[in-house]
């Protein structure tokens, strides 16, 4: 009789272990899904952000940027800028950019890029096609086609920002790619210069500041500086672009919303 309680306890214990094992088996897919979603972050989930655009010290527009995952697994990153404030009274127009992006071996690859500017008296439109199979960049501008060798890690003016986010998520402190505009790609190298707290319209944010390394890019005077927010998966919340003639363009984030998108259907 004295052994009966032990047998009952062992039976109860075995039953509890089986229940726990069954629960664990049932929970594993859910836990993996949660972990996968957390790891995917802003880049895979997509986002919508708006920025105030300044030219030197004058506010000239508002920019809306959106990253969306497409049914085929690629991404579409769009940027639409419209005139704002006093500048809108003098000039009307829009600047539209579209970048089709592919995730290849955990790296960002642009496929097609469109730049369409109708801003005041300035009109400019060009397209880029990244032919990764043949390592060629195809440019179309003013009814003329041009073809250039495609270097590794080539990006367009939009996709490089997503590539920066991806690299920072992988703890890269030095980042380099070739960025293509209307003409052949130019080499840009960035380094993490500091960590700081940046006051933004979203509140104070812990950011990393990326400066261009000395000697980048190929033509002097044209440079980018980015401030990327850690808790937003390193979304650039401030972007400064200094052109060859010294003109400074500054984007400061105003709003941000992460998208929660269904994953593509693979037929499984």
Foldseek 3Di string as FASTA:
>chain_A
DVCVVVVVVVVVVVVVVVVVVVVCVVCVVVVVVVVVVVLCAQLQQKKKFKWFKDKPNHTFWMKIWIWDQDLVRKIKIKIKIWTDDPNCVVKGWMWIKIWIWHQDPLAIDTAKMWIFTDIGPDTWIKMWGQDPVQQKIWIATPNDIDIDGHDPQEEEPPRVLSRVLSCVSVVDQKDKHFYDDRDDTWIWIKGFDDWDWDQALVGTFTWTKIFTDPCPTVDPFWTKIFTFGVVNSGRGQKIWTQDNVRIIMIIHINDMDGHRDDHHCPPD
